[in-house]
Structure formats: C-alpha cells, structure tokens
Amino acid sequence: MGATAPNPPVGCAILDADGTILTVAAHHRAGAAH
C-alpha cells in the first residue's frame, strides 16, 4: 500500500487442490506485473 497508485493494492494466493498455499504475491507498482 502506498506504492501502487494509480492502481489499487491487490494480493493473490495460489493453492493446490487440497488448499495448501503454493505461493503468494501482490501488485508492487503501476506498470509492474499484477
């Protein structure tokens, strides 16, 4: 938060079929990967 404007801060987690978290990421700044 505070680095993404004018985009919103967003977080994403990817899980396997059993619900185990494999990875977590967030949007860092405008122009960078979502």
PDB file of all heavy atoms in Angstrom:
ATOM      1  N   MET A   1       0.849  -1.192   0.000  1.00  0.00           N
ATOM      2  CA  MET A   1       0.000   0.000   0.000  1.00  0.00           C
ATOM      3  C   MET A   1       0.886   1.243   0.000  1.00  0.00           C
ATOM      4  O   MET A   1       1.842   1.337   0.747  1.00  0.00           O
ATOM      5  CB  MET A   1      -0.912   0.000   1.226  1.00  0.00           C
ATOM      6  CG  MET A   1      -1.988  -1.060   1.197  1.00  0.00           C
ATOM      7  SD  MET A   1      -2.968  -1.116   2.737  1.00  0.00           S
ATOM      8  CE  MET A   1      -4.078   0.262   2.454  1.00  0.00           C
ATOM      9  N   GLY A   2       0.555   2.185  -0.850  1.00  0.00           N
ATOM     10  CA  GLY A   2       1.360   3.395  -0.966  1.00  0.00           C
ATOM     11  C   GLY A   2       2.326   3.371  -2.127  1.00  0.00           C
ATOM     12  O   GLY A   2       2.953   4.394  -2.424  1.00  0.00           O
ATOM     13  N   ALA A   3       2.450   2.238  -2.800  1.00  0.00           N
ATOM     14  CA  ALA A   3       3.387   2.132  -3.925  1.00  0.00           C
ATOM     15  C   ALA A   3       2.690   1.820  -5.242  1.00  0.00           C
ATOM     16  O   ALA A   3       3.345   1.802  -6.281  1.00  0.00           O
ATOM     17  CB  ALA A   3       4.437   1.058  -3.644  1.00  0.00           C
ATOM     18  N   THR A   4       1.370   1.572  -5.234  1.00  0.00           N
ATOM     19  CA  THR A   4       0.699   1.068  -6.433  1.00  0.00           C
ATOM     20  C   THR A   4      -0.061   2.121  -7.227  1.00  0.00           C
ATOM     21  O   THR A   4      -0.482   1.859  -8.346  1.00  0.00           O
ATOM     22  CB  THR A   4      -0.293  -0.049  -6.067  1.00  0.00           C
ATOM     23  OG1 THR A   4      -1.340   0.493  -5.253  1.00  0.00           O
ATOM     24  CG2 THR A   4       0.403  -1.180  -5.324  1.00  0.00           C
ATOM     25  N   ALA A   5      -0.289   3.312  -6.655  1.00  0.00           N
ATOM     26  CA  ALA A   5      -1.114   4.324  -7.326  1.00  0.00           C
ATOM     27  C   ALA A   5      -0.575   4.629  -8.729  1.00  0.00           C
ATOM     28  O   ALA A   5       0.649   4.639  -8.935  1.00  0.00           O
ATOM     29  CB  ALA A   5      -1.150   5.601  -6.497  1.00  0.00           C
ATOM     30  N   PRO A   6      -1.454   4.836  -9.698  1.00  0.00           N
ATOM     31  CA  PRO A   6      -2.914   4.927  -9.570  1.00  0.00           C
ATOM     32  C   PRO A   6      -3.642   3.590  -9.598  1.00  0.00           C
ATOM     33  O   PRO A   6      -4.874   3.578  -9.728  1.00  0.00           O
ATOM     34  CB  PRO A   6      -3.298   5.773 -10.778  1.00  0.00           C
ATOM     35  CG  PRO A   6      -2.293   5.379 -11.825  1.00  0.00           C
ATOM     36  CD  PRO A   6      -1.004   5.161 -11.073  1.00  0.00           C
ATOM     37  N   ASN A   7      -2.938   2.498  -9.487  1.00  0.00           N
ATOM     38  CA  ASN A   7      -3.578   1.188  -9.386  1.00  0.00           C
ATOM     39  C   ASN A   7      -3.901   0.876  -7.930  1.00  0.00           C
ATOM     40  O   ASN A   7      -3.255   1.396  -7.022  1.00  0.00           O
ATOM     41  CB  ASN A   7      -2.664   0.090  -9.940  1.00  0.00           C
ATOM     42  CG  ASN A   7      -2.414   0.217 -11.420  1.00  0.00           C
ATOM     43  OD1 ASN A   7      -3.115   0.934 -12.125  1.00  0.00           O
ATOM     44  ND2 ASN A   7      -1.399  -0.485 -11.910  1.00  0.00           N
ATOM     45  N   PRO A   8      -4.859  -0.009  -7.688  1.00  0.00           N
ATOM     46  CA  PRO A   8      -5.157  -0.404  -6.309  1.00  0.00           C
ATOM     47  C   PRO A   8      -4.178  -1.458  -5.819  1.00  0.00           C
ATOM     48  O   PRO A   8      -3.565  -2.179  -6.620  1.00  0.00           O
ATOM     49  CB  PRO A   8      -6.561  -1.005  -6.425  1.00  0.00           C
ATOM     50  CG  PRO A   8      -6.582  -1.594  -7.808  1.00  0.00           C
ATOM     51  CD  PRO A   8      -5.768  -0.646  -8.666  1.00  0.00           C
ATOM     52  N   PRO A   9      -3.996  -1.576  -4.516  1.00  0.00           N
ATOM     53  CA  PRO A   9      -3.228  -2.708  -3.978  1.00  0.00           C
ATOM     54  C   PRO A   9      -4.050  -3.990  -4.100  1.00  0.00           C
ATOM     55  O   PRO A   9      -5.254  -3.985  -3.827  1.00  0.00           O
ATOM     56  CB  PRO A   9      -3.005  -2.321  -2.512  1.00  0.00           C
ATOM     57  CG  PRO A   9      -4.109  -1.376  -2.191  1.00  0.00           C
ATOM     58  CD  PRO A   9      -4.471  -0.670  -3.466  1.00  0.00           C
ATOM     59  N   VAL A  10      -3.409  -5.055  -4.541  1.00  0.00           N
ATOM     60  CA  VAL A  10      -4.092  -6.332  -4.755  1.00  0.00           C
ATOM     61  C   VAL A  10      -3.157  -7.456  -4.328  1.00  0.00           C
ATOM     62  O   VAL A  10      -1.953  -7.394  -4.588  1.00  0.00           O
ATOM     63  CB  VAL A  10      -4.484  -6.535  -6.240  1.00  0.00           C
ATOM     64  CG1 VAL A  10      -5.228  -7.862  -6.427  1.00  0.00           C
ATOM     65  CG2 VAL A  10      -5.341  -5.381  -6.745  1.00  0.00           C
ATOM     66  N   GLY A  11      -3.716  -8.476  -3.704  1.00  0.00           N
ATOM     67  CA  GLY A  11      -2.949  -9.658  -3.333  1.00  0.00           C
ATOM     68  C   GLY A  11      -3.568 -10.915  -3.920  1.00  0.00           C
ATOM     69  O   GLY A  11      -4.777 -10.967  -4.172  1.00  0.00           O
ATOM     70  N   CYS A  12      -2.742 -11.913  -4.155  1.00  0.00           N
ATOM     71  CA  CYS A  12      -3.206 -13.177  -4.749  1.00  0.00           C
ATOM     72  C   CYS A  12      -2.443 -14.334  -4.122  1.00  0.00           C
ATOM     73  O   CYS A  12      -1.225 -14.266  -3.946  1.00  0.00           O
ATOM     74  CB  CYS A  12      -2.986 -13.161  -6.263  1.00  0.00           C
ATOM     75  SG  CYS A  12      -3.397 -14.723  -7.099  1.00  0.00           S
ATOM     76  N   ALA A  13      -3.164 -15.396  -3.799  1.00  0.00           N
ATOM     77  CA  ALA A  13      -2.543 -16.649  -3.346  1.00  0.00           C
ATOM     78  C   ALA A  13      -2.972 -17.761  -4.290  1.00  0.00           C
ATOM     79  O   ALA A  13      -4.122 -17.799  -4.733  1.00  0.00           O
ATOM     80  CB  ALA A  13      -2.965 -16.977  -1.915  1.00  0.00           C
ATOM     81  N   ILE A  14      -2.056 -18.657  -4.597  1.00  0.00           N
ATOM     82  CA  ILE A  14      -2.360 -19.822  -5.420  1.00  0.00           C
ATOM     83  C   ILE A  14      -2.253 -21.069  -4.555  1.00  0.00           C
ATOM     84  O   ILE A  14      -1.273 -21.248  -3.816  1.00  0.00           O
ATOM     85  CB  ILE A  14      -1.416 -19.905  -6.629  1.00  0.00           C
ATOM     86  CG1 ILE A  14      -1.675 -18.712  -7.559  1.00  0.00           C
ATOM     87  CG2 ILE A  14      -1.618 -21.217  -7.391  1.00  0.00           C
ATOM     88  CD1 ILE A  14      -0.776 -18.656  -8.765  1.00  0.00           C
ATOM     89  N   LEU A  15      -3.267 -21.919  -4.639  1.00  0.00           N
ATOM     90  CA  LEU A  15      -3.366 -23.103  -3.803  1.00  0.00           C
ATOM     91  C   LEU A  15      -3.418 -24.357  -4.672  1.00  0.00           C
ATOM     92  O   LEU A  15      -3.802 -24.300  -5.851  1.00  0.00           O
ATOM     93  CB  LEU A  15      -4.633 -23.064  -2.945  1.00  0.00           C
ATOM     94  CG  LEU A  15      -4.757 -22.048  -1.808  1.00  0.00           C
ATOM     95  CD1 LEU A  15      -4.763 -20.610  -2.324  1.00  0.00           C
ATOM     96  CD2 LEU A  15      -6.032 -22.308  -1.016  1.00  0.00           C
ATOM     97  N   ASP A  16      -3.063 -25.499  -4.071  1.00  0.00           N
ATOM     98  CA  ASP A  16      -3.289 -26.764  -4.759  1.00  0.00           C
ATOM     99  C   ASP A  16      -4.709 -27.243  -4.473  1.00  0.00           C
ATOM    100  O   ASP A  16      -5.488 -26.577  -3.770  1.00  0.00           O
ATOM    101  CB  ASP A  16      -2.225 -27.797  -4.390  1.00  0.00           C
ATOM    102  CG  ASP A  16      -2.288 -28.248  -2.935  1.00  0.00           C
ATOM    103  OD1 ASP A  16      -3.293 -27.965  -2.245  1.00  0.00           O
ATOM    104  OD2 ASP A  16      -1.317 -28.894  -2.478  1.00  0.00           O
ATOM    105  N   ALA A  17      -5.062 -28.405  -4.986  1.00  0.00           N
ATOM    106  CA  ALA A  17      -6.433 -28.890  -4.867  1.00  0.00           C
ATOM    107  C   ALA A  17      -6.832 -29.168  -3.423  1.00  0.00           C
ATOM    108  O   ALA A  17      -8.031 -29.182  -3.102  1.00  0.00           O
ATOM    109  CB  ALA A  17      -6.605 -30.147  -5.716  1.00  0.00           C
ATOM    110  N   ASP A  18      -5.854 -29.386  -2.543  1.00  0.00           N
ATOM    111  CA  ASP A  18      -6.144 -29.633  -1.133  1.00  0.00           C
ATOM    112  C   ASP A  18      -6.198 -28.359  -0.311  1.00  0.00           C
ATOM    113  O   ASP A  18      -6.466 -28.401   0.890  1.00  0.00           O
ATOM    114  CB  ASP A  18      -5.089 -30.573  -0.538  1.00  0.00           C
ATOM    115  CG  ASP A  18      -5.129 -31.956  -1.159  1.00  0.00           C
ATOM    116  OD1 ASP A  18      -6.245 -32.420  -1.470  1.00  0.00           O
ATOM    117  OD2 ASP A  18      -4.049 -32.548  -1.342  1.00  0.00           O
ATOM    118  N   GLY A  19      -5.901 -27.215  -0.921  1.00  0.00           N
ATOM    119  CA  GLY A  19      -5.945 -25.954  -0.208  1.00  0.00           C
ATOM    120  C   GLY A  19      -4.621 -25.530   0.389  1.00  0.00           C
ATOM    121  O   GLY A  19      -4.573 -24.561   1.160  1.00  0.00           O
ATOM    122  N   THR A  20      -3.543 -26.219   0.051  1.00  0.00           N
ATOM    123  CA  THR A  20      -2.210 -25.814   0.511  1.00  0.00           C
ATOM    124  C   THR A  20      -1.738 -24.620  -0.314  1.00  0.00           C
ATOM    125  O   THR A  20      -1.801 -24.640  -1.549  1.00  0.00           O
ATOM    126  CB  THR A  20      -1.205 -26.968   0.369  1.00  0.00           C
ATOM    127  OG1 THR A  20      -1.652 -28.075   1.152  1.00  0.00           O
ATOM    128  CG2 THR A  20       0.185 -26.541   0.827  1.00  0.00           C
ATOM    129  N   ILE A  21      -1.273 -23.577   0.363  1.00  0.00           N
ATOM    130  CA  ILE A  21      -0.797 -22.398  -0.341  1.00  0.00           C
ATOM    131  C   ILE A  21       0.538 -22.694  -1.017  1.00  0.00           C
ATOM    132  O   ILE A  21       1.494 -23.121  -0.370  1.00  0.00           O
ATOM    133  CB  ILE A  21      -0.641 -21.205   0.625  1.00  0.00           C
ATOM    134  CG1 ILE A  21      -2.000 -20.812   1.207  1.00  0.00           C
ATOM    135  CG2 ILE A  21      -0.001 -20.009  -0.081  1.00  0.00           C
ATOM    136  CD1 ILE A  21      -1.937 -19.724   2.253  1.00  0.00           C
ATOM    137  N   LEU A  22       0.604 -22.457  -2.322  1.00  0.00           N
ATOM    138  CA  LEU A  22       1.830 -22.670  -3.078  1.00  0.00           C
ATOM    139  C   LEU A  22       2.659 -21.399  -3.175  1.00  0.00           C
ATOM    140  O   LEU A  22       3.886 -21.440  -3.080  1.00  0.00           O
ATOM    141  CB  LEU A  22       1.497 -23.173  -4.491  1.00  0.00           C
ATOM    142  CG  LEU A  22       0.669 -24.459  -4.585  1.00  0.00           C
ATOM    143  CD1 LEU A  22       0.397 -24.793  -6.051  1.00  0.00           C
ATOM    144  CD2 LEU A  22       1.389 -25.621  -3.899  1.00  0.00           C
ATOM    145  N   THR A  23       2.008 -20.273  -3.363  1.00  0.00           N
ATOM    146  CA  THR A  23       2.720 -19.002  -3.475  1.00  0.00           C
ATOM    147  C   THR A  23       1.756 -17.850  -3.214  1.00  0.00           C
ATOM    148  O   THR A  23       0.542 -17.998  -3.384  1.00  0.00           O
ATOM    149  CB  THR A  23       3.368 -18.849  -4.874  1.00  0.00           C
ATOM    150  OG1 THR A  23       4.231 -17.725  -4.887  1.00  0.00           O
ATOM    151  CG2 THR A  23       2.315 -18.693  -5.946  1.00  0.00           C
ATOM    152  N   VAL A  24       2.314 -16.726  -2.796  1.00  0.00           N
ATOM    153  CA  VAL A  24       1.536 -15.516  -2.514  1.00  0.00           C
ATOM    154  C   VAL A  24       2.270 -14.346  -3.156  1.00  0.00           C
ATOM    155  O   VAL A  24       3.504 -14.250  -3.071  1.00  0.00           O
ATOM    156  CB  VAL A  24       1.381 -15.268  -0.993  1.00  0.00           C
ATOM    157  CG1 VAL A  24       0.542 -14.014  -0.738  1.00  0.00           C
ATOM    158  CG2 VAL A  24       0.763 -16.476  -0.303  1.00  0.00           C
ATOM    159  N   ALA A  25       1.528 -13.455  -3.776  1.00  0.00           N
ATOM    160  CA  ALA A  25       2.146 -12.295  -4.419  1.00  0.00           C
ATOM    161  C   ALA A  25       1.195 -11.115  -4.336  1.00  0.00           C
ATOM    162  O   ALA A  25       0.012 -11.257  -4.027  1.00  0.00           O
ATOM    163  CB  ALA A  25       2.495 -12.599  -5.878  1.00  0.00           C
ATOM    164  N   ALA A  26       1.736  -9.935  -4.643  1.00  0.00           N
ATOM    165  CA  ALA A  26       0.938  -8.716  -4.667  1.00  0.00           C
ATOM    166  C   ALA A  26       1.423  -7.825  -5.791  1.00  0.00           C
ATOM    167  O   ALA A  26       2.558  -7.953  -6.267  1.00  0.00           O
ATOM    168  CB  ALA A  26       1.036  -7.974  -3.334  1.00  0.00           C
ATOM    169  N   HIS A  27       0.563  -6.920  -6.212  1.00  0.00           N
ATOM    170  CA  HIS A  27       0.962  -5.897  -7.181  1.00  0.00           C
ATOM    171  C   HIS A  27       1.909  -4.930  -6.480  1.00  0.00           C
ATOM    172  O   HIS A  27       1.627  -4.451  -5.384  1.00  0.00           O
ATOM    173  CB  HIS A  27      -0.282  -5.162  -7.670  1.00  0.00           C
ATOM    174  CG  HIS A  27      -0.016  -4.123  -8.702  1.00  0.00           C
ATOM    175  ND1 HIS A  27       0.793  -4.341  -9.797  1.00  0.00           N
ATOM    176  CD2 HIS A  27      -0.453  -2.839  -8.820  1.00  0.00           C
ATOM    177  CE1 HIS A  27       0.833  -3.255 -10.537  1.00  0.00           C
ATOM    178  NE2 HIS A  27       0.095  -2.325  -9.966  1.00  0.00           N
ATOM    179  N   HIS A  28       3.053  -4.642  -7.111  1.00  0.00           N
ATOM    180  CA  HIS A  28       4.073  -3.802  -6.486  1.00  0.00           C
ATOM    181  C   HIS A  28       3.958  -2.339  -6.867  1.00  0.00           C
ATOM    182  O   HIS A  28       4.100  -1.461  -6.014  1.00  0.00           O
ATOM    183  CB  HIS A  28       5.466  -4.308  -6.860  1.00  0.00           C
ATOM    184  CG  HIS A  28       5.811  -5.613  -6.220  1.00  0.00           C
ATOM    185  ND1 HIS A  28       7.085  -6.155  -6.261  1.00  0.00           N
ATOM    186  CD2 HIS A  28       5.066  -6.498  -5.508  1.00  0.00           C
ATOM    187  CE1 HIS A  28       7.106  -7.312  -5.618  1.00  0.00           C
ATOM    188  NE2 HIS A  28       5.884  -7.538  -5.158  1.00  0.00           N
ATOM    189  N   ARG A  29       3.722  -2.046  -8.139  1.00  0.00           N
ATOM    190  CA  ARG A  29       3.624  -0.659  -8.586  1.00  0.00           C
ATOM    191  C   ARG A  29       3.033  -0.649  -9.985  1.00  0.00           C
ATOM    192  O   ARG A  29       3.060  -1.669 -10.695  1.00  0.00           O
ATOM    193  CB  ARG A  29       4.986   0.038  -8.589  1.00  0.00           C
ATOM    194  CG  ARG A  29       6.050  -0.622  -9.444  1.00  0.00           C
ATOM    195  CD  ARG A  29       7.377   0.134  -9.378  1.00  0.00           C
ATOM    196  NE  ARG A  29       7.798   0.340  -8.004  1.00  0.00           N
ATOM    197  CZ  ARG A  29       8.488  -0.564  -7.292  1.00  0.00           C
ATOM    198  NH1 ARG A  29       8.789  -1.741  -7.836  1.00  0.00           N
ATOM    199  NH2 ARG A  29       8.851  -0.288  -6.053  1.00  0.00           N
ATOM    200  N   ALA A  30       2.503   0.505 -10.393  1.00  0.00           N
ATOM    201  CA  ALA A  30       1.906   0.643 -11.719  1.00  0.00           C
ATOM    202  C   ALA A  30       2.944   0.302 -12.787  1.00  0.00           C
ATOM    203  O   ALA A  30       4.096   0.728 -12.716  1.00  0.00           O
ATOM    204  CB  ALA A  30       1.391   2.067 -11.916  1.00  0.00           C
ATOM    205  N   GLY A  31       2.523  -0.480 -13.757  1.00  0.00           N
ATOM    206  CA  GLY A  31       3.411  -0.908 -14.826  1.00  0.00           C
ATOM    207  C   GLY A  31       4.064  -2.247 -14.563  1.00  0.00           C
ATOM    208  O   GLY A  31       4.558  -2.890 -15.499  1.00  0.00           O
ATOM    209  N   ALA A  32       4.103  -2.676 -13.294  1.00  0.00           N
ATOM    210  CA  ALA A  32       4.664  -3.983 -12.944  1.00  0.00           C
ATOM    211  C   ALA A  32       3.559  -5.041 -13.034  1.00  0.00           C
ATOM    212  O   ALA A  32       2.377  -4.725 -13.205  1.00  0.00           O
ATOM    213  CB  ALA A  32       5.259  -3.944 -11.540  1.00  0.00           C
ATOM    214  N   ALA A  33       3.960  -6.291 -12.931  1.00  0.00           N
ATOM    215  CA  ALA A  33       3.002  -7.388 -13.035  1.00  0.00           C
ATOM    216  C   ALA A  33       1.898  -7.253 -11.991  1.00  0.00           C
ATOM    217  O   ALA A  33       2.148  -6.851 -10.854  1.00  0.00           O
ATOM    218  CB  ALA A  33       3.722  -8.722 -12.857  1.00  0.00           C
ATOM    219  N   HIS A  34       0.671  -7.574 -12.403  1.00  0.00           N
ATOM    220  CA  HIS A  34      -0.421  -7.613 -11.450  1.00  0.00           C
ATOM    221  C   HIS A  34      -0.225  -8.798 -10.502  1.00  0.00           C
ATOM    222  O   HIS A  34       0.581  -9.701 -10.755  1.00  0.00           O
ATOM    223  CB  HIS A  34      -1.757  -7.722 -12.174  1.00  0.00           C
ATOM    224  CG  HIS A  34      -2.169  -6.448 -12.854  1.00  0.00           C
ATOM    225  ND1 HIS A  34      -3.405  -6.267 -13.433  1.00  0.00           N
ATOM    226  CD2 HIS A  34      -1.501  -5.276 -13.042  1.00  0.00           C
ATOM    227  CE1 HIS A  34      -3.487  -5.051 -13.945  1.00  0.00           C
ATOM    228  NE2 HIS A  34      -2.339  -4.440 -13.727  1.00  0.00           N
TER     229      HIS A  34
END
